[in-house]
C-alpha atoms as a PDB file:
ATOM      1  CA  MET A   1     -51.757  13.649  49.219  1.00  0.00           C
ATOM      2  CA  LYS A   2     -48.221  13.409  47.465  1.00  0.00           C
ATOM      3  CA  THR A   3     -46.136  10.260  48.447  1.00  0.00           C
ATOM      4  CA  SER A   4     -43.188  12.442  48.949  1.00  0.00           C
ATOM      5  CA  ALA A   5     -44.851  14.050  51.592  1.00  0.00           C
ATOM      6  CA  ILE A   6     -45.582  11.192  53.659  1.00  0.00           C
ATOM      7  CA  ARG A   7     -41.880   9.400  53.336  1.00  0.00           C
ATOM      8  CA  ASP A   8     -40.025   9.644  56.751  1.00  0.00           C
ATOM      9  CA  VAL A   9     -42.914  11.105  58.686  1.00  0.00           C
ATOM     10  CA  PRO A  10     -43.433   9.557  62.339  1.00  0.00           C
ATOM     11  CA  VAL A  11     -46.122   7.230  62.787  1.00  0.00           C
ATOM     12  CA  ARG A  12     -47.945   7.288  66.096  1.00  0.00           C
ATOM     13  CA  SER A  13     -50.367   5.410  68.148  1.00  0.00           C
ATOM     14  CA  ALA A  14     -53.605   6.790  69.282  1.00  0.00           C
ATOM     15  CA  GLY A  15     -52.261   7.489  72.540  1.00  0.00           C
ATOM     16  CA  GLY A  16     -49.111   9.518  71.024  1.00  0.00           C
ATOM     17  CA  SER A  17     -46.503   7.035  71.257  1.00  0.00           C
ATOM     18  CA  GLU A  18     -44.047   6.923  68.231  1.00  0.00           C
ATOM     19  CA  LEU A  19     -44.236   3.469  66.452  1.00  0.00           C
ATOM     20  CA  GLY A  20     -41.671   4.330  63.762  1.00  0.00           C
ATOM     21  CA  ARG A  21     -41.434   6.327  60.753  1.00  0.00           C
ATOM     22  CA  VAL A  22     -42.999   5.717  56.976  1.00  0.00           C
ATOM     23  CA  SER A  23     -40.043   4.411  54.620  1.00  0.00           C
ATOM     24  CA  GLU A  24     -42.560   4.047  51.564  1.00  0.00           C
ATOM     25  CA  VAL A  25     -45.985   4.019  50.145  1.00  0.00           C
ATOM     26  CA  LEU A  26     -46.914   0.464  48.884  1.00  0.00           C
ATOM     27  CA  PHE A  27     -49.354   0.051  46.099  1.00  0.00           C
ATOM     28  CA  HIS A  28     -51.255  -2.804  44.680  1.00  0.00           C
ATOM     29  CA  PRO A  29     -49.340  -4.859  42.246  1.00  0.00           C
ATOM     30  CA  SER A  30     -51.360  -4.129  39.280  1.00  0.00           C
ATOM     31  CA  GLU A  31     -54.072  -1.480  40.041  1.00  0.00           C
ATOM     32  CA  PRO A  32     -53.392   2.380  40.666  1.00  0.00           C
ATOM     33  CA  VAL A  33     -54.220   1.994  44.314  1.00  0.00           C
ATOM     34  CA  ALA A  34     -52.061   2.477  47.365  1.00  0.00           C
ATOM     35  CA  VAL A  35     -52.656   0.078  49.781  1.00  0.00           C
ATOM     36  CA  GLY A  36     -50.469   0.658  52.924  1.00  0.00           C
ATOM     37  CA  LEU A  37     -47.425   1.880  54.290  1.00  0.00           C
ATOM     38  CA  SER A  38     -43.978   0.440  54.758  1.00  0.00           C
ATOM     39  CA  VAL A  39     -43.086   1.346  58.174  1.00  0.00           C
ATOM     40  CA  GLN A  40     -39.266   1.386  60.068  1.00  0.00           C
ATOM     41  CA  PRO A  41     -39.863   0.613  64.135  1.00  0.00           C
ATOM     42  CA  PRO A  42     -37.580   2.528  66.071  1.00  0.00           C
ATOM     43  CA  ARG A  43     -34.294   0.806  66.680  1.00  0.00           C
ATOM     44  CA  VAL A  44     -33.725  -1.338  69.833  1.00  0.00           C
ATOM     45  CA  ALA A  45     -32.009   0.549  72.658  1.00  0.00           C
ATOM     46  CA  GLY A  46     -31.440   2.953  69.716  1.00  0.00           C
ATOM     47  CA  VAL A  47     -28.735   0.598  68.086  1.00  0.00           C
ATOM     48  CA  VAL A  48     -30.447  -2.477  66.711  1.00  0.00           C
ATOM     49  CA  ALA A  49     -32.501  -2.237  63.589  1.00  0.00           C
ATOM     50  CA  ARG A  50     -35.802  -3.950  63.493  1.00  0.00           C
ATOM     51  CA  ALA A  51     -37.621  -5.321  60.486  1.00  0.00           C
ATOM     52  CA  GLU A  52     -39.812  -3.230  58.496  1.00  0.00           C
ATOM     53  CA  ARG A  53     -43.714  -3.357  59.083  1.00  0.00           C
ATOM     54  CA  TYR A  54     -46.354  -3.351  57.036  1.00  0.00           C
ATOM     55  CA  LEU A  55     -49.157  -1.118  57.792  1.00  0.00           C
ATOM     56  CA  PRO A  56     -52.761  -1.057  55.602  1.00  0.00           C
ATOM     57  CA  ARG A  57     -53.822   2.118  54.707  1.00  0.00           C
ATOM     58  CA  GLU A  58     -57.173   1.682  56.132  1.00  0.00           C
ATOM     59  CA  ALA A  59     -55.748   1.281  59.581  1.00  0.00           C
ATOM     60  CA  CYS A  60     -54.215   5.132  59.864  1.00  0.00           C
ATOM     61  CA  LYS A  61     -54.907   8.656  59.354  1.00  0.00           C
ATOM     62  CA  ILE A  62     -52.732  11.207  57.889  1.00  0.00           C
ATOM     63  CA  ALA A  63     -52.601  14.197  60.561  1.00  0.00           C
ATOM     64  CA  GLU A  64     -50.401  17.394  59.921  1.00  0.00           C
ATOM     65  CA  ASP A  65     -47.212  16.315  61.232  1.00  0.00           C
ATOM     66  CA  ALA A  66     -47.647  12.268  61.380  1.00  0.00           C
ATOM     67  CA  VAL A  67     -49.386   8.985  60.398  1.00  0.00           C
ATOM     68  CA  VAL A  68     -52.024   7.942  63.281  1.00  0.00           C
ATOM     69  CA  VAL A  69     -52.461   4.542  63.839  1.00  0.00           C
ATOM     70  CA  GLU A  70     -55.843   3.596  65.781  1.00  0.00           C
ATOM     71  CA  ALA A  71     -54.224   0.916  67.677  1.00  0.00           C
ATOM     72  CA  GLU A  72     -51.201   1.296  70.275  1.00  0.00           C
ATOM     73  CA  ARG A  73     -48.639  -1.093  68.091  1.00  0.00           C
ATOM     74  CA  LEU A  74     -48.257  -1.765  64.841  1.00  0.00           C
ATOM     75  CA  PRO A  75     -50.297  -4.874  63.407  1.00  0.00           C
ATOM     76  CA  SER A  76     -48.064  -7.993  62.475  1.00  0.00           C
ATOM     77  CA  ARG A  77     -47.402  -8.839  58.936  1.00  0.00           C
ATOM     78  CA  ALA A  78     -49.811 -11.548  58.966  1.00  0.00           C
ATOM     79  CA  ALA A  79     -52.625  -9.731  60.198  1.00  0.00           C
ATOM     80  CA  SER A  80     -51.879  -6.737  57.794  1.00  0.00           C
ATOM     81  CA  GLU A  81     -51.961  -9.248  54.749  1.00  0.00           C
ATOM     82  CA  ARG A  82     -55.193 -10.635  55.904  1.00  0.00           C
ATOM     83  CA  ALA A  83     -56.738  -6.974  56.400  1.00  0.00           C
ATOM     84  CA  VAL A  84     -55.374  -5.706  52.821  1.00  0.00           C
ATOM     85  CA  GLY A  85     -56.036  -9.092  50.997  1.00  0.00           C
ATOM     86  CA  LEU A  86     -52.409  -8.811  49.601  1.00  0.00           C
ATOM     87  CA  ALA A  87     -49.128 -10.295  50.463  1.00  0.00           C
ATOM     88  CA  TRP A  88     -46.416  -7.735  51.337  1.00  0.00           C
ATOM     89  CA  ASP A  89     -44.330  -8.864  49.009  1.00  0.00           C
ATOM     90  CA  ASP A  90     -46.650  -8.543  46.302  1.00  0.00           C
ATOM     91  CA  THR A  91     -47.097  -5.287  46.765  1.00  0.00           C
ATOM     92  CA  VAL A  92     -45.293  -2.549  44.556  1.00  0.00           C
ATOM     93  CA  GLN A  93     -43.280   0.757  45.703  1.00  0.00           C
ATOM     94  CA  TRP A  94     -43.782   3.189  42.497  1.00  0.00           C
ATOM     95  CA  ARG A  95     -41.111   5.802  43.374  1.00  0.00           C
ATOM     96  CA  GLY A  96     -38.297   5.232  40.927  1.00  0.00           C
ATOM     97  CA  MET A  97     -40.388   2.728  38.490  1.00  0.00           C
ATOM     98  CA  PRO A  98     -40.259   3.262  34.997  1.00  0.00           C
ATOM     99  CA  VAL A  99     -42.945   4.782  33.192  1.00  0.00           C
ATOM    100  CA  ALA A 100     -44.353   3.403  29.926  1.00  0.00           C
ATOM    101  CA  ALA A 101     -46.600   4.967  27.503  1.00  0.00           C
ATOM    102  CA  ALA A 102     -49.404   2.994  25.578  1.00  0.00           C
ATOM    103  CA  SER A 103     -46.827   2.150  22.843  1.00  0.00           C
ATOM    104  CA  GLY A 104     -44.547   0.549  25.466  1.00  0.00           C
ATOM    105  CA  GLU A 105     -42.008   3.102  25.181  1.00  0.00           C
ATOM    106  CA  THR A 106     -40.604   3.896  28.355  1.00  0.00           C
ATOM    107  CA  ILE A 107     -40.639   7.687  28.844  1.00  0.00           C
ATOM    108  CA  GLY A 108     -39.433   8.233  32.412  1.00  0.00           C
ATOM    109  CA  SER A 109     -39.823   6.953  35.914  1.00  0.00           C
ATOM    110  CA  VAL A 110     -42.062   7.632  38.775  1.00  0.00           C
ATOM    111  CA  ALA A 111     -40.788  11.161  40.341  1.00  0.00           C
ATOM    112  CA  ASP A 112     -43.944  11.355  42.922  1.00  0.00           C
ATOM    113  CA  VAL A 113     -47.523  10.199  43.001  1.00  0.00           C
ATOM    114  CA  GLU A 114     -50.608  11.934  44.309  1.00  0.00           C
ATOM    115  CA  VAL A 115     -53.250   9.964  46.218  1.00  0.00           C
ATOM    116  CA  ASP A 116     -56.354  10.225  47.742  1.00  0.00           C
ATOM    117  CA  TRP A 117     -55.770   8.615  51.054  1.00  0.00           C
ATOM    118  CA  ALA A 118     -59.565   7.776  51.745  1.00  0.00           C
ATOM    119  CA  THR A 119     -59.838   5.490  49.189  1.00  0.00           C
ATOM    120  CA  GLY A 120     -56.294   4.919  48.054  1.00  0.00           C
ATOM    121  CA  SER A 121     -56.968   6.207  44.472  1.00  0.00           C
ATOM    122  CA  VAL A 122     -54.166   7.389  42.393  1.00  0.00           C
ATOM    123  CA  ILE A 123     -54.795  11.276  41.435  1.00  0.00           C
ATOM    124  CA  GLY A 124     -51.917  11.696  39.457  1.00  0.00           C
ATOM    125  CA  VAL A 125     -48.139  10.720  38.810  1.00  0.00           C
ATOM    126  CA  GLU A 126     -45.183  13.072  38.483  1.00  0.00           C
ATOM    127  CA  VAL A 127     -42.788  11.605  35.451  1.00  0.00           C
ATOM    128  CA  SER A 128     -38.945  12.654  35.743  1.00  0.00           C
ATOM    129  CA  THR A 129     -37.381  12.381  31.944  1.00  0.00           C
ATOM    130  CA  GLY A 130     -33.705  12.612  33.683  1.00  0.00           C
ATOM    131  CA  ILE A 131     -31.769  15.612  34.753  1.00  0.00           C
ATOM    132  CA  VAL A 132     -31.903  17.416  31.310  1.00  0.00           C
ATOM    133  CA  GLY A 133     -35.273  16.702  30.701  1.00  0.00           C
ATOM    134  CA  ASP A 134     -36.499  18.093  33.997  1.00  0.00           C
ATOM    135  CA  VAL A 135     -34.537  21.404  33.682  1.00  0.00           C
ATOM    136  CA  ALA A 136     -35.515  22.026  29.976  1.00  0.00           C
ATOM    137  CA  VAL A 137     -39.440  21.341  30.466  1.00  0.00           C
ATOM    138  CA  GLY A 138     -40.166  20.194  34.059  1.00  0.00           C
ATOM    139  CA  ARG A 139     -41.368  17.052  35.115  1.00  0.00           C
ATOM    140  CA  LEU A 140     -44.478  15.624  33.180  1.00  0.00           C
ATOM    141  CA  SER A 141     -47.755  14.890  34.926  1.00  0.00           C
ATOM    142  CA  ALA A 142     -50.013  12.056  34.057  1.00  0.00           C
ATOM    143  CA  THR A 143     -53.659  12.335  35.373  1.00  0.00           C
ATOM    144  CA  ALA A 144     -55.729   9.756  37.052  1.00  0.00           C
ATOM    145  CA  ALA A 145     -57.212   9.005  33.669  1.00  0.00           C
ATOM    146  CA  GLN A 146     -54.161   8.408  32.049  1.00  0.00           C
ATOM    147  CA  VAL A 147     -52.762   5.727  34.524  1.00  0.00           C
ATOM    148  CA  VAL A 148     -53.789   2.402  34.152  1.00  0.00           C
ATOM    149  CA  GLY A 149     -51.671   0.661  36.623  1.00  0.00           C
ATOM    150  CA  PHE A 150     -48.532  -1.302  36.822  1.00  0.00           C
ATOM    151  CA  SER A 151     -47.630  -4.257  35.037  1.00  0.00           C
ATOM    152  CA  GLU A 152     -44.282  -5.848  33.558  1.00  0.00           C
ATOM    153  CA  GLY A 153     -42.095  -3.965  36.017  1.00  0.00           C
ATOM    154  CA  ALA A 154     -43.224  -0.188  35.145  1.00  0.00           C
ATOM    155  CA  VAL A 155     -46.144   2.156  35.549  1.00  0.00           C
ATOM    156  CA  ARG A 156     -48.596   1.815  32.345  1.00  0.00           C
ATOM    157  CA  LEU A 157     -50.079   4.965  30.852  1.00  0.00           C
ATOM    158  CA  CYS A 158     -52.879   5.140  28.156  1.00  0.00           C
ATOM    159  CA  CYS A 159     -51.578   8.082  26.537  1.00  0.00           C
ATOM    160  CA  GLU A 160     -48.306   8.800  24.729  1.00  0.00           C
ATOM    161  CA  TYR A 161     -45.617  11.319  25.863  1.00  0.00           C
ATOM    162  CA  ALA A 162     -46.896  14.059  23.822  1.00  0.00           C
ATOM    163  CA  GLU A 163     -50.082  13.843  25.671  1.00  0.00           C
ATOM    164  CA  LEU A 164     -48.525  14.790  28.938  1.00  0.00           C
ATOM    165  CA  ALA A 165     -48.251  18.260  30.371  1.00  0.00           C
ATOM    166  CA  PRO A 166     -44.787  19.415  31.519  1.00  0.00           C
ATOM    167  CA  SER A 167     -44.457  21.624  34.083  1.00  0.00           C
ATOM    168  CA  GLY A 168     -42.387  24.451  32.493  1.00  0.00           C
ATOM    169  CA  GLY A 169     -38.540  23.985  33.368  1.00  0.00           C
ATOM    170  CA  ALA A 170     -35.910  26.237  31.724  1.00  0.00           C
ATOM    171  CA  ALA A 171     -39.029  26.688  28.757  1.00  0.00           C
ATOM    172  CA  LYS A 172     -40.949  28.511  31.169  1.00  0.00           C
ATOM    173  CA  ALA A 173     -37.793  30.386  32.725  1.00  0.00           C
ATOM    174  CA  ALA A 174     -36.757  31.394  29.208  1.00  0.00           C
ATOM    175  CA  ALA A 175     -40.171  32.912  28.181  1.00  0.00           C
ATOM    176  CA  ALA A 176     -40.051  34.991  31.453  1.00  0.00           C
ATOM    177  CA  GLY A 177     -36.743  35.963  30.954  1.00  0.00           C
ATOM    178  CA  ALA A 178     -37.797  36.810  27.500  1.00  0.00           C
ATOM    179  CA  ALA A 179     -41.003  38.904  28.669  1.00  0.00           C
ATOM    180  CA  VAL A 180     -38.614  40.848  31.062  1.00  0.00           C
ATOM    181  CA  LEU A 181     -36.214  41.490  28.052  1.00  0.00           C
ATOM    182  CA  LYS A 182     -39.171  42.975  26.276  1.00  0.00           C
ATOM    183  CA  ASP A 183     -39.989  45.142  29.223  1.00  0.00           C
ATOM    184  CA  VAL A 184     -36.691  46.670  30.381  1.00  0.00           C
ATOM    185  CA  GLY A 185     -33.764  45.259  28.121  1.00  0.00           C
ATOM    186  CA  SER A 186     -31.733  43.910  31.101  1.00  0.00           C
ATOM    187  CA  ALA A 187     -28.663  41.949  30.569  1.00  0.00           C
ATOM    188  CA  ALA A 188     -29.693  39.829  33.093  1.00  0.00           C
ATOM    189  CA  ALA A 189     -33.148  38.976  31.130  1.00  0.00           C
ATOM    190  CA  LYS A 190     -31.086  38.272  28.449  1.00  0.00           C
ATOM    191  CA  ARG A 191     -28.958  35.978  30.227  1.00  0.00           C
ATOM    192  CA  ALA A 192     -31.978  34.009  31.590  1.00  0.00           C
ATOM    193  CA  TYR A 193     -33.754  33.637  27.997  1.00  0.00           C
ATOM    194  CA  ASP A 194     -29.912  32.682  26.641  1.00  0.00           C
ATOM    195  CA  ALA A 195     -29.525  29.981  28.997  1.00  0.00           C
ATOM    196  CA  GLY A 196     -32.896  28.502  28.615  1.00  0.00           C
ATOM    197  CA  MET A 197     -32.466  28.373  24.893  1.00  0.00           C
ATOM    198  CA  SER A 198     -29.070  26.453  25.481  1.00  0.00           C
ATOM    199  CA  ALA A 199     -30.857  24.032  27.815  1.00  0.00           C
ATOM    200  CA  ALA A 200     -33.505  23.533  24.835  1.00  0.00           C
ATOM    201  CA  LYS A 201     -30.909  22.498  22.483  1.00  0.00           C
ATOM    202  CA  ALA A 202     -29.339  20.386  25.046  1.00  0.00           C
ATOM    203  CA  VAL A 203     -32.541  18.585  25.869  1.00  0.00           C
ATOM    204  CA  GLY A 204     -33.364  18.372  22.121  1.00  0.00           C
ATOM    205  CA  ARG A 205     -30.053  16.352  20.950  1.00  0.00           C
ATOM    206  CA  SER A 206     -30.310  14.015  24.426  1.00  0.00           C
ATOM    207  CA  MET A 207     -34.062  12.694  23.881  1.00  0.00           C
ATOM    208  CA  ARG A 208     -36.047  11.178  21.237  1.00  0.00           C
ATOM    209  CA  SER A 209     -39.276  11.301  22.745  1.00  0.00           C
ATOM    210  CA  GLY A 210     -40.124  15.070  21.884  1.00  0.00           C
ATOM    211  CA  ALA A 211     -39.252  16.755  24.623  1.00  0.00           C
ATOM    212  CA  GLY A 212     -36.800  18.934  22.757  1.00  0.00           C
ATOM    213  CA  ASN A 213     -39.184  19.971  20.269  1.00  0.00           C
ATOM    214  CA  LYS A 214     -41.742  20.956  23.105  1.00  0.00           C
ATOM    215  CA  VAL A 215     -39.295  23.299  24.722  1.00  0.00           C
ATOM    216  CA  LEU A 216     -37.878  24.812  21.318  1.00  0.00           C
ATOM    217  CA  ARG A 217     -41.566  25.258  20.385  1.00  0.00           C
ATOM    218  CA  ALA A 218     -42.086  27.363  23.609  1.00  0.00           C
ATOM    219  CA  LEU A 219     -38.866  29.438  23.204  1.00  0.00           C
ATOM    220  CA  LYS A 220     -39.622  30.019  19.531  1.00  0.00           C
ATOM    221  CA  LYS A 221     -43.058  31.544  20.417  1.00  0.00           C
ATOM    222  CA  ALA A 222     -41.395  33.440  23.159  1.00  0.00           C
ATOM    223  CA  ALA A 223     -38.925  34.995  20.970  1.00  0.00           C
ATOM    224  CA  SER A 224     -41.653  35.719  18.030  1.00  0.00           C
ATOM    225  CA  GLU A 225     -43.685  37.533  20.531  1.00  0.00           C
ATOM    226  CA  LEU A 226     -40.442  39.467  21.620  1.00  0.00           C
ATOM    227  CA  THR A 227     -39.599  40.451  17.928  1.00  0.00           C
ATOM    228  CA  ARG A 228     -43.303  41.249  17.349  1.00  0.00           C
ATOM    229  CA  GLU A 229     -43.155  43.760  20.263  1.00  0.00           C
ATOM    230  CA  ASP A 230     -39.820  45.464  19.188  1.00  0.00           C
ATOM    231  CA  GLY A 231     -41.404  46.260  15.762  1.00  0.00           C
END
């Protein structure tokens, strides 16, 4: 389960009553484990907002279109804190938090987290390096083995930026454009390739962490293959 998929979904009782909506997934203050949810109850008379509630992970199940609570009402904060063994104020919302490499360098921020809901264990973290980086090379993926946990205001990794796999971004699109250009020589494919190269140059100028080099290498490889095919 990705945390982005659960935010804002309804929370329902076993009997089908709506108890609120998920506002955030909450994590252990140091370990890479989801411990519960922050739930916004419905407004009183549709007008007056109520305080958010703390729902332990083990007290709910993820259904196709909702989070289902076994009881008929949300537990009190005190009951949840006893069940989890952690105060709500000590839990951490990972979304948007800085991501730090093993060297301590901040390489981006948390865009999404994949969690095994049965155990709470983090399966992977999607890292955003900003608009330019996301467009050029795509978001970066950290595996469970690379995620240490949370400390000193950041999600910590045991690896460096260069060890994270990018999703593709403009480099992937440009390589696809080059492949189309090789096959049909279309003006549209040429524009796609040129746009990808422009994005690569932009990210290369704006980032020190190596994203620009990665995308430029991918584009250079695509260009080299295109040239070889053309004889």
